[in-house]
Amino acid sequence: MNIAQSVILVTAAGSPLGKALSLHFASLGAMLALVDSHPQSLQQTLSACRAVGAHSQSFLTQYDDEQHVAEIIDNVHHHFGKIDVLVNCWLGAELPSLLGPSSVDQFSQTLIKSMTPFFIFGKMAARYMCAQSCRGVIINLAADTNCAHTAIHSGSKAMVSGLTLSWAKELAEFNIRVGGVVPLTIDCPCRNQSQNVISLPLQYEIVRSAEYIVANDYFNGRMIEAEVS
């Protein structure tokens, strides 16, 4: 897919990784639909994308509200006229350690909170891509920290990888490719909650991996692991 003039929807666009992804695609000539639930950080990403000349628009959303997400997707399509790429960059939340004071209800709610945005945005965006009768791409970011105190986060991201492979098979007949990037080591809030804090920002490698998935028409149903040697 030609990235220039493609409409790319980035969720969690106000997060550090979401901003890096948005700016990278903006530098390649893409049009950006920026989605987040935090207005201040979302506005910062919007301003940065517009500063490099990209046609960009922000959309404030609640990730766990299916009807609201459907309205956001409608608004994105109305504004840009199409949706070529969805970059699911929701990083989720984390509970205390296994031996901490967390309950089963907290576990369930945290898992739902981590997975729901991926499913809802993927579902809604795929419907529009199918209706467009043209090529589409969905990229899921699944940061698997594999650290102590991040069991729920790591488990939910393994589920994201499973979703990615299943969607790739289901949507292939509609010319929609689905892939993902697994940043096994990244400087993020969840990583920084662990006892052994290691600052290893791999944003450049991650955004280049996302670019590769969009640009390579033969990439489908795979996860790229971005890991240090």
Protein backbone atom coordinates (compact mmCIF):
# COMPACT_ATOMS: atom_id res chain seq x y z
CA MET A 1 0.00 0.00 0.00
CA ASN A 2 1.20 3.48 -0.83
CA ILE A 3 1.40 5.33 2.49
CA ALA A 4 1.28 8.81 0.97
CA GLN A 5 -2.31 10.11 0.98
CA SER A 6 -3.53 7.06 2.88
CA VAL A 7 -5.86 7.72 5.81
CA ILE A 8 -4.36 6.18 8.95
CA LEU A 9 -6.35 5.98 12.18
CA VAL A 10 -4.12 5.78 15.26
CA THR A 11 -5.64 4.90 18.63
CA ALA A 12 -3.95 6.10 21.84
CA ALA A 13 -2.37 8.76 19.64
CA GLY A 14 -1.56 10.85 22.69
CA SER A 15 0.69 8.20 24.23
CA PRO A 16 4.45 8.42 23.57
CA LEU A 17 4.36 5.47 21.17
CA GLY A 18 1.13 6.64 19.55
CA LYS A 19 2.64 10.07 18.97
CA ALA A 20 5.80 8.55 17.48
CA LEU A 21 3.73 6.41 15.11
CA SER A 22 1.56 9.36 14.11
CA LEU A 23 4.51 11.64 13.41
CA HIS A 24 6.30 8.96 11.40
CA PHE A 25 3.32 8.33 9.14
CA ALA A 26 2.76 12.09 8.89
CA SER A 27 6.33 12.50 7.62
CA LEU A 28 5.54 9.94 4.90
CA GLY A 29 2.59 11.95 3.60
CA ALA A 30 -0.27 10.10 5.26
CA MET A 31 -3.45 11.74 6.55
CA LEU A 32 -3.95 11.12 10.26
CA ALA A 33 -7.10 10.43 12.28
CA LEU A 34 -5.86 10.72 15.85
CA VAL A 35 -7.91 9.06 18.59
CA ASP A 36 -7.39 9.17 22.35
CA SER A 37 -9.27 9.58 25.62
CA HIS A 38 -6.87 12.20 27.01
CA PRO A 39 -7.55 15.62 25.43
CA GLN A 40 -4.31 17.36 26.37
CA SER A 41 -1.91 14.73 25.03
CA LEU A 42 -4.14 14.23 21.98
CA GLN A 43 -3.94 17.94 21.17
CA GLN A 44 -0.16 17.83 21.47
CA THR A 45 0.06 15.02 18.91
CA LEU A 46 -2.37 16.83 16.60
CA SER A 47 -0.30 20.02 16.75
CA ALA A 48 2.91 18.10 16.08
CA CYS A 49 1.43 16.35 13.02
CA ARG A 50 0.05 19.57 11.61
CA ALA A 51 3.42 21.23 12.18
CA VAL A 52 4.98 18.86 9.64
CA GLY A 53 2.22 19.62 7.15
CA ALA A 54 0.05 16.53 7.57
CA HIS A 55 -3.71 16.67 7.12
CA SER A 56 -4.70 15.60 10.62
CA GLN A 57 -7.79 15.61 12.80
CA SER A 58 -8.28 14.57 16.42
CA PHE A 59 -11.19 12.57 17.84
CA LEU A 60 -11.77 12.28 21.60
CA THR A 61 -13.24 8.91 22.55
CA GLN A 62 -14.10 6.45 25.29
CA TYR A 63 -12.48 3.15 24.37
CA ASP A 64 -14.93 0.87 26.16
CA ASP A 65 -18.14 2.38 24.70
CA GLU A 66 -19.03 0.49 21.51
CA GLN A 67 -21.66 3.00 20.37
CA HIS A 68 -19.31 5.92 20.91
CA VAL A 69 -16.50 4.18 19.02
CA ALA A 70 -18.92 3.51 16.16
CA GLU A 71 -19.72 7.23 16.05
CA ILE A 72 -16.02 8.08 16.05
CA ILE A 73 -15.37 5.73 13.12
CA ASP A 74 -18.34 7.30 11.30
CA ASN A 75 -16.89 10.76 11.93
CA VAL A 76 -13.45 9.72 10.70
CA HIS A 77 -14.95 8.29 7.51
CA HIS A 78 -17.10 11.39 6.99
CA HIS A 79 -14.13 13.72 7.48
CA PHE A 80 -11.59 11.88 5.31
CA GLY A 81 -13.86 9.90 2.99
CA LYS A 82 -12.11 6.60 3.69
CA ILE A 83 -10.11 4.59 6.23
CA ASP A 84 -7.08 2.78 4.83
CA VAL A 85 -5.17 1.77 7.96
CA LEU A 86 -5.99 1.21 11.62
CA VAL A 87 -3.10 1.25 14.08
CA ASN A 88 -4.36 -0.16 17.38
CA CYS A 89 -1.94 1.29 19.91
CA TRP A 90 -3.88 0.90 23.15
CA LEU A 91 -1.46 -0.13 25.90
CA GLY A 92 -3.99 -1.12 28.57
CA ALA A 93 -3.66 -1.08 32.35
CA GLU A 94 -1.96 -3.12 35.04
CA LEU A 95 -2.86 -4.50 38.46
CA PRO A 96 -0.54 -4.94 41.44
CA SER A 97 1.58 -8.08 41.65
CA LEU A 98 0.24 -11.62 41.99
CA LEU A 99 0.78 -11.46 45.75
CA GLY A 100 -0.80 -8.01 46.05
CA PRO A 101 -4.31 -7.09 47.25
CA SER A 102 -6.01 -7.54 43.86
CA SER A 103 -9.33 -9.42 43.59
CA VAL A 104 -10.76 -11.65 40.87
CA ASP A 105 -13.17 -8.86 39.91
CA GLN A 106 -10.26 -6.47 39.50
CA PHE A 107 -8.48 -9.05 37.37
CA SER A 108 -11.53 -9.46 35.11
CA GLN A 109 -12.10 -5.74 34.73
CA THR A 110 -8.45 -5.06 33.94
CA LEU A 111 -8.38 -7.80 31.31
CA ILE A 112 -11.56 -6.43 29.73
CA LYS A 113 -10.14 -2.91 29.78
CA SER A 114 -6.97 -4.10 28.06
CA MET A 115 -8.74 -6.10 25.31
CA THR A 116 -11.97 -4.21 24.59
CA PRO A 117 -10.43 -1.29 22.62
CA PHE A 118 -8.61 -3.66 20.26
CA PHE A 119 -11.78 -5.59 19.53
CA ILE A 120 -14.15 -2.63 19.15
CA PHE A 121 -11.90 -0.52 16.93
CA GLY A 122 -10.86 -3.53 14.86
CA LYS A 123 -14.48 -4.55 14.37
CA MET A 124 -15.72 -1.08 13.40
CA ALA A 125 -12.79 -0.22 11.14
CA ALA A 126 -12.96 -3.59 9.36
CA ARG A 127 -16.61 -3.00 8.50
CA TYR A 128 -15.77 0.25 6.74
CA MET A 129 -12.78 -1.29 4.98
CA CYS A 130 -14.96 -4.13 3.68
CA ALA A 131 -17.58 -1.67 2.45
CA GLN A 132 -14.92 0.37 0.63
CA SER A 133 -14.06 -2.63 -1.58
CA CYS A 134 -10.40 -1.67 -1.56
CA ARG A 135 -7.31 -2.68 0.34
CA GLY A 136 -7.05 -2.09 4.07
CA VAL A 137 -4.54 -2.76 6.84
CA ILE A 138 -4.99 -3.31 10.57
CA ILE A 139 -1.94 -3.23 12.86
CA ASN A 140 -2.14 -4.26 16.50
CA LEU A 141 0.58 -3.11 18.91
CA ALA A 142 1.05 -5.64 21.71
CA ALA A 143 3.79 -4.56 24.10
CA ASP A 144 4.68 -7.73 26.00
CA THR A 145 6.94 -6.61 28.84
CA ASN A 146 7.57 -10.08 30.36
CA CYS A 147 8.48 -8.43 33.66
CA ALA A 148 7.53 -9.12 37.24
CA HIS A 149 4.27 -7.43 38.29
CA THR A 150 2.97 -7.26 34.69
CA ALA A 151 1.29 -10.68 34.36
CA ILE A 152 -2.14 -9.38 33.35
CA HIS A 153 -0.68 -6.95 30.84
CA SER A 154 1.49 -9.64 29.26
CA GLY A 155 -1.39 -12.11 29.18
CA SER A 156 -3.72 -9.65 27.48
CA LYS A 157 -1.12 -8.88 24.84
CA ALA A 158 -0.79 -12.58 24.07
CA MET A 159 -4.53 -12.47 23.43
CA VAL A 160 -4.00 -9.53 21.05
CA SER A 161 -1.52 -11.65 19.08
CA GLY A 162 -4.14 -14.39 18.82
CA LEU A 163 -6.75 -11.90 17.62
CA THR A 164 -4.34 -10.63 14.99
CA LEU A 165 -3.73 -14.05 13.45
CA SER A 166 -7.43 -14.93 13.46
CA TRP A 167 -8.49 -11.62 11.91
CA ALA A 168 -5.86 -12.01 9.18
CA LYS A 169 -7.48 -15.25 8.01
CA GLU A 170 -11.03 -13.92 8.34
CA LEU A 171 -10.43 -10.64 6.48
CA ALA A 172 -8.04 -11.84 3.76
CA GLU A 173 -10.89 -12.43 1.30
CA PHE A 174 -11.80 -8.74 1.63
CA ASN A 175 -8.25 -7.58 0.78
CA ILE A 176 -7.66 -6.50 4.37
CA ARG A 177 -4.31 -7.46 5.83
CA VAL A 178 -3.76 -7.76 9.57
CA GLY A 179 -0.40 -7.77 11.29
CA GLY A 180 1.16 -6.71 14.54
CA VAL A 181 4.25 -5.49 16.30
CA VAL A 182 5.36 -6.92 19.63
CA PRO A 183 7.81 -4.54 21.32
CA LEU A 184 9.20 -7.03 23.82
CA THR A 185 11.24 -4.31 25.50
CA ILE A 186 10.03 -0.73 25.56
CA ASP A 187 10.17 2.27 27.84
CA CYS A 188 6.51 2.52 28.87
CA PRO A 189 4.52 3.12 32.10
CA CYS A 190 3.83 -0.59 32.57
CA ARG A 191 7.50 -1.45 32.16
CA ASN A 192 8.47 1.26 34.61
CA GLN A 193 6.26 -0.29 37.30
CA SER A 194 8.55 -3.30 37.48
CA GLN A 195 11.24 -3.53 40.12
CA ASN A 196 14.11 -3.66 37.63
CA VAL A 197 13.52 -0.56 35.53
CA ILE A 198 15.30 -0.60 32.19
CA SER A 199 14.89 2.36 29.86
CA LEU A 200 15.11 0.97 26.35
CA PRO A 201 13.03 3.15 24.04
CA LEU A 202 12.65 1.36 20.74
CA GLN A 203 10.18 3.78 19.19
CA TYR A 204 12.14 4.12 15.94
CA GLU A 205 12.29 0.37 15.39
CA ILE A 206 8.61 0.00 16.24
CA VAL A 207 7.37 2.70 13.87
CA ARG A 208 9.55 1.35 11.07
CA SER A 209 8.05 -2.10 11.66
CA ALA A 210 4.56 -0.60 11.39
CA GLU A 211 5.59 1.17 8.19
CA TYR A 212 6.84 -2.14 6.77
CA ILE A 213 3.52 -3.85 7.46
CA VAL A 214 1.56 -1.11 5.69
CA ALA A 215 3.90 -0.88 2.70
CA ASN A 216 4.41 -4.62 2.09
CA ASP A 217 1.33 -6.02 0.34
CA TYR A 218 2.52 -9.57 1.01
CA PHE A 219 2.72 -9.22 4.79
CA ASN A 220 -0.28 -10.76 6.55
CA GLY A 221 -1.06 -12.76 9.67
CA ARG A 222 2.27 -12.26 11.40
CA MET A 223 3.65 -10.44 14.44
CA ILE A 224 6.99 -8.63 14.22
CA GLU A 225 9.00 -8.88 17.44
CA ALA A 226 11.01 -5.74 18.13
CA GLU A 227 13.59 -6.88 20.65
CA VAL A 228 17.08 -5.83 21.62
CA SER A 229 19.93 -8.28 21.09
